[in-house]
Amino acid sequence: MDIENFGIIIPARINSSRFPGKVLQKINGISMIERIWTNCITNFDCSNVWVATDSKKVLNHIEDIGGNALLISGDCQTGMDRVAEANKKLNFEYVINCQGDEPILEDRIILEAINFYKNQGPDVLNCMAKIRLDSEFADTNIIKVAVNSNNDLLYMSRASIPLGKDQNKLLAKSYRQVCVYILNKKSLSFYGEGKKKSSLESIEDIEMLRLLDHNLKICMLEVDTSSIAVDIPSDIQRVQNYLNES
């Protein structure tokens, strides 16, 4: 697997249900989507990094900063569906999906994921990090991850899993999803134009569950990161506080 066969596609929906317009939200004077794009091009050729968006405002913004963007259908149900639709035109053999709402994700995490994928060759790779706060473990905006002894995904949920008798207390194996994914073309084919959400995916609103519902194996890579996903407006202040303290 040569690095040239990998492409990064950043899905950027303008009208997020919980925080409309968040991808263009300024964080210390720089838009969230620009921060993510900048992190992605640190170790990648700019020609292999694309933003997939349903908004001409986002498209123009990315092109104004020298990036590449594709305008895709507004009917896509998930970020992964946007990525799959975009890759029909871009035709990367291996696709790295870096979600458009993790503005402080370090570029080293993307490299770690690529190196692991190249060595192990799973069909699907997703990242996870340990949860360190009880409040995060109880937060339904944070996706929790349960894995087996090989770090294969058993389930993802907005609920607190795995949950011991002392409810909402952190356990040694309490992990949250970090939204960096790597898929090959075959795995990505479960998403895209006209695809429907699976039953578990519809309940939890977690796109990875579509693959579990279709019995695909998902390898979870543990990474050490302080990345903060922006799901609601108050998360912007959390990111700004982190950047100012750093």
C-alpha atoms as a PDB file:
ATOM      1  CA  MET A   1       0.000   0.000   0.000  1.00  0.00           C
ATOM      2  CA  ASP A   2       1.639   3.197  -1.171  1.00  0.00           C
ATOM      3  CA  ILE A   3       0.720   6.487   0.488  1.00  0.00           C
ATOM      4  CA  GLU A   4      -0.281   7.754  -2.963  1.00  0.00           C
ATOM      5  CA  ASN A   5      -3.212   5.310  -2.910  1.00  0.00           C
ATOM      6  CA  PHE A   6      -4.644   6.961   0.200  1.00  0.00           C
ATOM      7  CA  GLY A   7      -6.874   9.995  -0.009  1.00  0.00           C
ATOM      8  CA  ILE A   8      -8.335  12.114   2.775  1.00  0.00           C
ATOM      9  CA  ILE A   9     -11.945  13.186   2.371  1.00  0.00           C
ATOM     10  CA  ILE A  10     -13.428  15.565   4.940  1.00  0.00           C
ATOM     11  CA  PRO A  11     -17.241  15.555   5.011  1.00  0.00           C
ATOM     12  CA  ALA A  12     -18.606  19.018   5.814  1.00  0.00           C
ATOM     13  CA  ARG A  13     -22.358  19.381   6.078  1.00  0.00           C
ATOM     14  CA  ILE A  14     -23.534  22.974   6.487  1.00  0.00           C
ATOM     15  CA  ASN A  15     -26.809  22.288   8.331  1.00  0.00           C
ATOM     16  CA  SER A  16     -25.865  20.020  11.202  1.00  0.00           C
ATOM     17  CA  SER A  17     -29.015  19.126  13.144  1.00  0.00           C
ATOM     18  CA  ARG A  18     -27.527  20.006  16.536  1.00  0.00           C
ATOM     19  CA  PHE A  19     -25.366  22.953  15.425  1.00  0.00           C
ATOM     20  CA  PRO A  20     -26.214  24.462  12.002  1.00  0.00           C
ATOM     21  CA  GLY A  21     -23.278  26.127  10.253  1.00  0.00           C
ATOM     22  CA  LYS A  22     -20.714  24.737  12.673  1.00  0.00           C
ATOM     23  CA  VAL A  23     -18.087  23.916  10.024  1.00  0.00           C
ATOM     24  CA  LEU A  24     -17.715  27.636   9.260  1.00  0.00           C
ATOM     25  CA  GLN A  25     -17.729  28.643  12.922  1.00  0.00           C
ATOM     26  CA  LYS A  26     -14.647  30.696  13.769  1.00  0.00           C
ATOM     27  CA  ILE A  27     -12.363  29.411  16.540  1.00  0.00           C
ATOM     28  CA  ASN A  28      -9.831  32.056  17.532  1.00  0.00           C
ATOM     29  CA  GLY A  29     -10.356  33.679  14.142  1.00  0.00           C
ATOM     30  CA  ILE A  30      -9.994  30.527  11.997  1.00  0.00           C
ATOM     31  CA  SER A  31     -12.929  28.472  10.728  1.00  0.00           C
ATOM     32  CA  MET A  32     -13.323  24.967  12.071  1.00  0.00           C
ATOM     33  CA  ILE A  33     -13.135  23.401   8.614  1.00  0.00           C
ATOM     34  CA  GLU A  34      -9.917  25.310   7.814  1.00  0.00           C
ATOM     35  CA  ARG A  35      -8.316  24.012  11.006  1.00  0.00           C
ATOM     36  CA  ILE A  36      -9.160  20.429  10.065  1.00  0.00           C
ATOM     37  CA  TRP A  37      -7.991  20.889   6.466  1.00  0.00           C
ATOM     38  CA  THR A  38      -4.693  22.379   7.698  1.00  0.00           C
ATOM     39  CA  ASN A  39      -4.101  19.409  10.005  1.00  0.00           C
ATOM     40  CA  CYS A  40      -4.772  17.001   7.138  1.00  0.00           C
ATOM     41  CA  ILE A  41      -2.346  18.590   4.663  1.00  0.00           C
ATOM     42  CA  THR A  42       0.541  18.676   7.166  1.00  0.00           C
ATOM     43  CA  ASN A  43       1.769  15.232   6.078  1.00  0.00           C
ATOM     44  CA  PHE A  44      -0.246  14.797   2.884  1.00  0.00           C
ATOM     45  CA  ASP A  45      -0.031  16.182  -0.605  1.00  0.00           C
ATOM     46  CA  CYS A  46      -2.723  18.833  -0.900  1.00  0.00           C
ATOM     47  CA  SER A  47      -4.031  17.195  -4.087  1.00  0.00           C
ATOM     48  CA  ASN A  48      -5.010  14.115  -2.047  1.00  0.00           C
ATOM     49  CA  VAL A  49      -7.031  16.073   0.531  1.00  0.00           C
ATOM     50  CA  TRP A  50     -10.606  17.004  -0.367  1.00  0.00           C
ATOM     51  CA  VAL A  51     -13.613  18.498   1.393  1.00  0.00           C
ATOM     52  CA  ALA A  52     -16.985  16.972   0.458  1.00  0.00           C
ATOM     53  CA  THR A  53     -19.763  19.465   1.122  1.00  0.00           C
ATOM     54  CA  ASP A  54     -23.372  20.262   0.272  1.00  0.00           C
ATOM     55  CA  SER A  55     -22.726  24.018   0.604  1.00  0.00           C
ATOM     56  CA  LYS A  56     -21.378  26.481  -1.957  1.00  0.00           C
ATOM     57  CA  LYS A  57     -20.284  28.700   0.957  1.00  0.00           C
ATOM     58  CA  VAL A  58     -18.066  25.909   2.291  1.00  0.00           C
ATOM     59  CA  LEU A  59     -16.849  25.064  -1.227  1.00  0.00           C
ATOM     60  CA  ASN A  60     -15.850  28.690  -1.891  1.00  0.00           C
ATOM     61  CA  HIS A  61     -14.226  29.005   1.535  1.00  0.00           C
ATOM     62  CA  ILE A  62     -12.018  25.957   0.968  1.00  0.00           C
ATOM     63  CA  GLU A  63     -11.059  27.084  -2.533  1.00  0.00           C
ATOM     64  CA  ASP A  64     -10.245  30.558  -1.197  1.00  0.00           C
ATOM     65  CA  ILE A  65      -7.647  29.060   1.182  1.00  0.00           C
ATOM     66  CA  GLY A  66      -6.137  26.972  -1.628  1.00  0.00           C
ATOM     67  CA  GLY A  67      -7.878  23.677  -0.914  1.00  0.00           C
ATOM     68  CA  ASN A  68      -9.879  21.201  -2.986  1.00  0.00           C
ATOM     69  CA  ALA A  69     -13.611  20.746  -2.508  1.00  0.00           C
ATOM     70  CA  LEU A  70     -16.455  18.855  -4.161  1.00  0.00           C
ATOM     71  CA  LEU A  71     -20.101  19.865  -4.113  1.00  0.00           C
ATOM     72  CA  ILE A  72     -22.206  16.797  -3.414  1.00  0.00           C
ATOM     73  CA  SER A  73     -25.854  15.970  -2.884  1.00  0.00           C
ATOM     74  CA  GLY A  74     -27.683  17.440   0.084  1.00  0.00           C
ATOM     75  CA  ASP A  75     -29.569  14.165   0.444  1.00  0.00           C
ATOM     76  CA  CYS A  76     -26.680  12.218   1.980  1.00  0.00           C
ATOM     77  CA  GLN A  77     -27.699  10.858   5.369  1.00  0.00           C
ATOM     78  CA  THR A  78     -24.284  10.667   7.051  1.00  0.00           C
ATOM     79  CA  GLY A  79     -20.734  11.929   6.738  1.00  0.00           C
ATOM     80  CA  MET A  80     -19.662   8.541   5.436  1.00  0.00           C
ATOM     81  CA  ASP A  81     -22.316   8.722   2.707  1.00  0.00           C
ATOM     82  CA  ARG A  82     -20.822  12.070   1.667  1.00  0.00           C
ATOM     83  CA  VAL A  83     -17.369  10.539   1.572  1.00  0.00           C
ATOM     84  CA  ALA A  84     -18.574   7.602  -0.520  1.00  0.00           C
ATOM     85  CA  GLU A  85     -20.324   9.890  -3.003  1.00  0.00           C
ATOM     86  CA  ALA A  86     -17.208  12.044  -3.313  1.00  0.00           C
ATOM     87  CA  ASN A  87     -14.963   9.035  -3.884  1.00  0.00           C
ATOM     88  CA  LYS A  88     -17.002   7.964  -6.886  1.00  0.00           C
ATOM     89  CA  LYS A  89     -15.349  10.946  -8.593  1.00  0.00           C
ATOM     90  CA  LEU A  90     -11.994  10.898  -6.792  1.00  0.00           C
ATOM     91  CA  ASN A  91     -11.500   7.107  -6.990  1.00  0.00           C
ATOM     92  CA  PHE A  92      -9.014   6.635  -4.137  1.00  0.00           C
ATOM     93  CA  GLU A  93      -8.194   2.986  -3.396  1.00  0.00           C
ATOM     94  CA  TYR A  94      -8.116   3.669   0.349  1.00  0.00           C
ATOM     95  CA  VAL A  95     -10.114   6.486   1.890  1.00  0.00           C
ATOM     96  CA  ILE A  96      -9.374   8.290   5.138  1.00  0.00           C
ATOM     97  CA  ASN A  97     -12.446   9.998   6.514  1.00  0.00           C
ATOM     98  CA  CYS A  98     -11.513  12.829   8.878  1.00  0.00           C
ATOM     99  CA  GLN A  99     -14.740  14.261  10.212  1.00  0.00           C
ATOM    100  CA  GLY A 100     -15.333  17.978   9.804  1.00  0.00           C
ATOM    101  CA  ASP A 101     -15.995  18.571  13.494  1.00  0.00           C
ATOM    102  CA  GLU A 102     -12.688  17.679  15.203  1.00  0.00           C
ATOM    103  CA  PRO A 103     -10.711  20.938  14.859  1.00  0.00           C
ATOM    104  CA  ILE A 104      -7.820  20.043  17.184  1.00  0.00           C
ATOM    105  CA  LEU A 105      -7.168  16.537  15.916  1.00  0.00           C
ATOM    106  CA  GLU A 106      -3.392  16.195  15.665  1.00  0.00           C
ATOM    107  CA  ASP A 107      -1.907  15.255  12.296  1.00  0.00           C
ATOM    108  CA  ARG A 108       0.135  12.513  14.026  1.00  0.00           C
ATOM    109  CA  ILE A 109      -3.108  10.613  14.734  1.00  0.00           C
ATOM    110  CA  ILE A 110      -3.791  10.390  11.004  1.00  0.00           C
ATOM    111  CA  LEU A 111      -0.263   9.058  10.430  1.00  0.00           C
ATOM    112  CA  GLU A 112      -0.645   6.512  13.233  1.00  0.00           C
ATOM    113  CA  ALA A 113      -3.855   5.267  11.647  1.00  0.00           C
ATOM    114  CA  ILE A 114      -2.276   4.994   8.180  1.00  0.00           C
ATOM    115  CA  ASN A 115       0.790   3.131   9.470  1.00  0.00           C
ATOM    116  CA  PHE A 116      -1.359   0.681  11.422  1.00  0.00           C
ATOM    117  CA  TYR A 117      -3.628   0.132   8.433  1.00  0.00           C
ATOM    118  CA  LYS A 118      -0.692  -0.479   6.099  1.00  0.00           C
ATOM    119  CA  ASN A 119       0.784  -3.066   8.495  1.00  0.00           C
ATOM    120  CA  GLN A 120      -2.415  -4.846   9.526  1.00  0.00           C
ATOM    121  CA  GLY A 121      -4.672  -4.348   6.498  1.00  0.00           C
ATOM    122  CA  PRO A 122      -8.122  -4.464   8.116  1.00  0.00           C
ATOM    123  CA  ASP A 123     -11.194  -3.801   5.993  1.00  0.00           C
ATOM    124  CA  VAL A 124     -12.176  -0.934   8.278  1.00  0.00           C
ATOM    125  CA  LEU A 125     -10.140   1.003  10.822  1.00  0.00           C
ATOM    126  CA  ASN A 126     -11.509   3.510  13.326  1.00  0.00           C
ATOM    127  CA  CYS A 127      -9.749   5.253  16.202  1.00  0.00           C
ATOM    128  CA  MET A 128     -10.652   5.468  19.877  1.00  0.00           C
ATOM    129  CA  ALA A 129      -9.263   7.145  22.973  1.00  0.00           C
ATOM    130  CA  LYS A 130      -9.679   6.554  26.685  1.00  0.00           C
ATOM    131  CA  ILE A 131     -12.383   8.516  28.426  1.00  0.00           C
ATOM    132  CA  ARG A 132     -10.925  10.361  31.400  1.00  0.00           C
ATOM    133  CA  LEU A 133     -13.928  12.187  32.867  1.00  0.00           C
ATOM    134  CA  ASP A 134     -17.159  10.842  34.355  1.00  0.00           C
ATOM    135  CA  SER A 135     -19.003  13.693  32.630  1.00  0.00           C
ATOM    136  CA  GLU A 136     -17.796  12.515  29.202  1.00  0.00           C
ATOM    137  CA  PHE A 137     -18.819   8.944  29.978  1.00  0.00           C
ATOM    138  CA  ALA A 138     -22.370  10.133  30.703  1.00  0.00           C
ATOM    139  CA  ASP A 139     -22.583  12.572  27.765  1.00  0.00           C
ATOM    140  CA  THR A 140     -24.867  11.251  25.004  1.00  0.00           C
ATOM    141  CA  ASN A 141     -23.098  13.466  22.440  1.00  0.00           C
ATOM    142  CA  ILE A 142     -19.927  11.413  22.967  1.00  0.00           C
ATOM    143  CA  ILE A 143     -19.920   8.020  21.258  1.00  0.00           C
ATOM    144  CA  LYS A 144     -18.677   5.238  23.506  1.00  0.00           C
ATOM    145  CA  VAL A 145     -16.918   2.134  22.221  1.00  0.00           C
ATOM    146  CA  ALA A 146     -16.882  -1.490  23.414  1.00  0.00           C
ATOM    147  CA  VAL A 147     -14.167  -3.791  22.022  1.00  0.00           C
ATOM    148  CA  ASN A 148     -12.960  -7.354  22.477  1.00  0.00           C
ATOM    149  CA  SER A 149      -9.462  -8.460  23.512  1.00  0.00           C
ATOM    150  CA  ASN A 150      -8.188  -7.866  19.958  1.00  0.00           C
ATOM    151  CA  ASN A 151      -9.654  -4.338  19.863  1.00  0.00           C
ATOM    152  CA  ASP A 152     -12.262  -5.411  17.328  1.00  0.00           C
ATOM    153  CA  LEU A 153     -15.435  -3.375  17.655  1.00  0.00           C
ATOM    154  CA  LEU A 154     -18.291  -5.056  19.511  1.00  0.00           C
ATOM    155  CA  TYR A 155     -20.599  -2.056  19.694  1.00  0.00           C
ATOM    156  CA  MET A 156     -20.804   1.739  19.698  1.00  0.00           C
ATOM    157  CA  SER A 157     -23.394   3.692  21.602  1.00  0.00           C
ATOM    158  CA  ARG A 158     -24.338   7.099  22.903  1.00  0.00           C
ATOM    159  CA  ALA A 159     -25.109   5.306  26.145  1.00  0.00           C
ATOM    160  CA  SER A 160     -22.438   4.660  28.776  1.00  0.00           C
ATOM    161  CA  ILE A 161     -20.878   1.341  27.759  1.00  0.00           C
ATOM    162  CA  PRO A 162     -19.607  -0.924  29.171  1.00  0.00           C
ATOM    163  CA  LEU A 163     -21.580  -0.027  32.285  1.00  0.00           C
ATOM    164  CA  GLY A 164     -20.766  -1.528  35.677  1.00  0.00           C
ATOM    165  CA  LYS A 165     -22.957  -1.757  38.752  1.00  0.00           C
ATOM    166  CA  ASP A 166     -21.817   1.728  39.793  1.00  0.00           C
ATOM    167  CA  GLN A 167     -23.633   3.431  36.946  1.00  0.00           C
ATOM    168  CA  ASN A 168     -21.906   6.195  34.947  1.00  0.00           C
ATOM    169  CA  LYS A 169     -18.567   5.474  36.623  1.00  0.00           C
ATOM    170  CA  LEU A 170     -15.529   5.131  34.391  1.00  0.00           C
ATOM    171  CA  LEU A 171     -14.106   1.657  33.909  1.00  0.00           C
ATOM    172  CA  ALA A 172     -10.607   0.667  32.774  1.00  0.00           C
ATOM    173  CA  LYS A 173     -11.980  -0.050  29.293  1.00  0.00           C
ATOM    174  CA  SER A 174     -14.003   3.137  28.836  1.00  0.00           C
ATOM    175  CA  TYR A 175     -13.297   4.491  25.350  1.00  0.00           C
ATOM    176  CA  ARG A 176     -14.757   7.158  23.088  1.00  0.00           C
ATOM    177  CA  GLN A 177     -14.729   7.227  19.317  1.00  0.00           C
ATOM    178  CA  VAL A 178     -12.186   9.455  17.563  1.00  0.00           C
ATOM    179  CA  CYS A 179     -13.535  10.272  14.128  1.00  0.00           C
ATOM    180  CA  VAL A 180     -10.690   9.104  11.913  1.00  0.00           C
ATOM    181  CA  TYR A 181     -11.658   6.173   9.703  1.00  0.00           C
ATOM    182  CA  ILE A 182      -9.874   4.253   6.950  1.00  0.00           C
ATOM    183  CA  LEU A 183     -11.844   2.099   4.527  1.00  0.00           C
ATOM    184  CA  ASN A 184     -11.122   0.299   1.289  1.00  0.00           C
ATOM    185  CA  LYS A 185     -13.451   0.641  -1.676  1.00  0.00           C
ATOM    186  CA  LYS A 186     -15.371  -2.525  -0.838  1.00  0.00           C
ATOM    187  CA  SER A 187     -16.150  -1.376   2.705  1.00  0.00           C
ATOM    188  CA  LEU A 188     -17.039   2.105   1.509  1.00  0.00           C
ATOM    189  CA  SER A 189     -19.588   0.616  -0.896  1.00  0.00           C
ATOM    190  CA  PHE A 190     -22.048   0.208   2.012  1.00  0.00           C
ATOM    191  CA  TYR A 191     -22.390   3.994   1.946  1.00  0.00           C
ATOM    192  CA  GLY A 192     -23.173   6.447  -0.797  1.00  0.00           C
ATOM    193  CA  GLU A 193     -25.969   7.702  -2.962  1.00  0.00           C
ATOM    194  CA  GLY A 194     -29.297   6.013  -2.275  1.00  0.00           C
ATOM    195  CA  LYS A 195     -28.103   3.897   0.663  1.00  0.00           C
ATOM    196  CA  LYS A 196     -30.369   3.608   3.693  1.00  0.00           C
ATOM    197  CA  LYS A 197     -29.402   3.627   7.342  1.00  0.00           C
ATOM    198  CA  SER A 198     -29.438   0.227   9.017  1.00  0.00           C
ATOM    199  CA  SER A 199     -31.692  -0.480  11.994  1.00  0.00           C
ATOM    200  CA  LEU A 200     -29.100   0.046  14.753  1.00  0.00           C
ATOM    201  CA  GLU A 201     -27.605   3.005  12.899  1.00  0.00           C
ATOM    202  CA  SER A 202     -31.014   4.677  12.779  1.00  0.00           C
ATOM    203  CA  ILE A 203     -31.577   4.191  16.505  1.00  0.00           C
ATOM    204  CA  GLU A 204     -28.162   5.414  17.686  1.00  0.00           C
ATOM    205  CA  ASP A 205     -27.378   7.799  14.800  1.00  0.00           C
ATOM    206  CA  ILE A 206     -23.872   6.295  14.510  1.00  0.00           C
ATOM    207  CA  GLU A 207     -22.704   5.557  10.968  1.00  0.00           C
ATOM    208  CA  MET A 208     -20.254   2.772  11.915  1.00  0.00           C
ATOM    209  CA  LEU A 209     -23.185   0.638  13.057  1.00  0.00           C
ATOM    210  CA  ARG A 210     -24.208   0.177   9.417  1.00  0.00           C
ATOM    211  CA  LEU A 211     -21.083  -1.911   8.930  1.00  0.00           C
ATOM    212  CA  LEU A 212     -21.692  -3.919  12.112  1.00  0.00           C
ATOM    213  CA  ASP A 213     -25.268  -4.537  10.976  1.00  0.00           C
ATOM    214  CA  HIS A 214     -23.785  -6.024   7.785  1.00  0.00           C
ATOM    215  CA  ASN A 215     -21.301  -8.185   9.732  1.00  0.00           C
ATOM    216  CA  LEU A 216     -18.161  -6.301   8.735  1.00  0.00           C
ATOM    217  CA  LYS A 217     -15.198  -6.445  11.073  1.00  0.00           C
ATOM    218  CA  ILE A 218     -14.056  -3.066  12.378  1.00  0.00           C
ATOM    219  CA  CYS A 219     -10.646  -2.727  13.971  1.00  0.00           C
ATOM    220  CA  MET A 220     -10.353  -0.014  16.638  1.00  0.00           C
ATOM    221  CA  LEU A 221      -6.963   1.632  17.090  1.00  0.00           C
ATOM    222  CA  GLU A 222      -6.327   3.184  20.500  1.00  0.00           C
ATOM    223  CA  VAL A 223      -4.705   6.606  20.211  1.00  0.00           C
ATOM    224  CA  ASP A 224      -3.621   9.151  22.779  1.00  0.00           C
ATOM    225  CA  THR A 225      -5.337  12.396  21.918  1.00  0.00           C
ATOM    226  CA  SER A 226      -7.079  15.367  23.503  1.00  0.00           C
ATOM    227  CA  SER A 227      -9.237  15.900  20.425  1.00  0.00           C
ATOM    228  CA  ILE A 228     -12.634  17.484  21.101  1.00  0.00           C
ATOM    229  CA  ALA A 229     -15.551  16.860  18.772  1.00  0.00           C
ATOM    230  CA  VAL A 230     -17.780  19.889  18.224  1.00  0.00           C
ATOM    231  CA  ASP A 231     -21.374  18.653  18.442  1.00  0.00           C
ATOM    232  CA  ILE A 232     -23.153  21.586  20.098  1.00  0.00           C
ATOM    233  CA  PRO A 233     -22.384  25.334  20.378  1.00  0.00           C
ATOM    234  CA  SER A 234     -20.881  25.053  23.874  1.00  0.00           C
ATOM    235  CA  ASP A 235     -18.163  22.766  22.481  1.00  0.00           C
ATOM    236  CA  ILE A 236     -16.656  25.760  20.659  1.00  0.00           C
ATOM    237  CA  GLN A 237     -15.735  27.302  24.014  1.00  0.00           C
ATOM    238  CA  ARG A 238     -14.187  24.011  25.134  1.00  0.00           C
ATOM    239  CA  VAL A 239     -11.975  24.006  22.038  1.00  0.00           C
ATOM    240  CA  GLN A 240     -11.023  27.658  22.522  1.00  0.00           C
ATOM    241  CA  ASN A 241     -10.141  27.016  26.161  1.00  0.00           C
ATOM    242  CA  TYR A 242      -7.940  24.095  25.135  1.00  0.00           C
ATOM    243  CA  LEU A 243      -6.155  26.139  22.473  1.00  0.00           C
ATOM    244  CA  ASN A 244      -5.598  29.065  24.821  1.00  0.00           C
ATOM    245  CA  GLU A 245      -4.223  26.816  27.549  1.00  0.00           C
ATOM    246  CA  SER A 246      -1.962  25.048  25.072  1.00  0.00           C
END
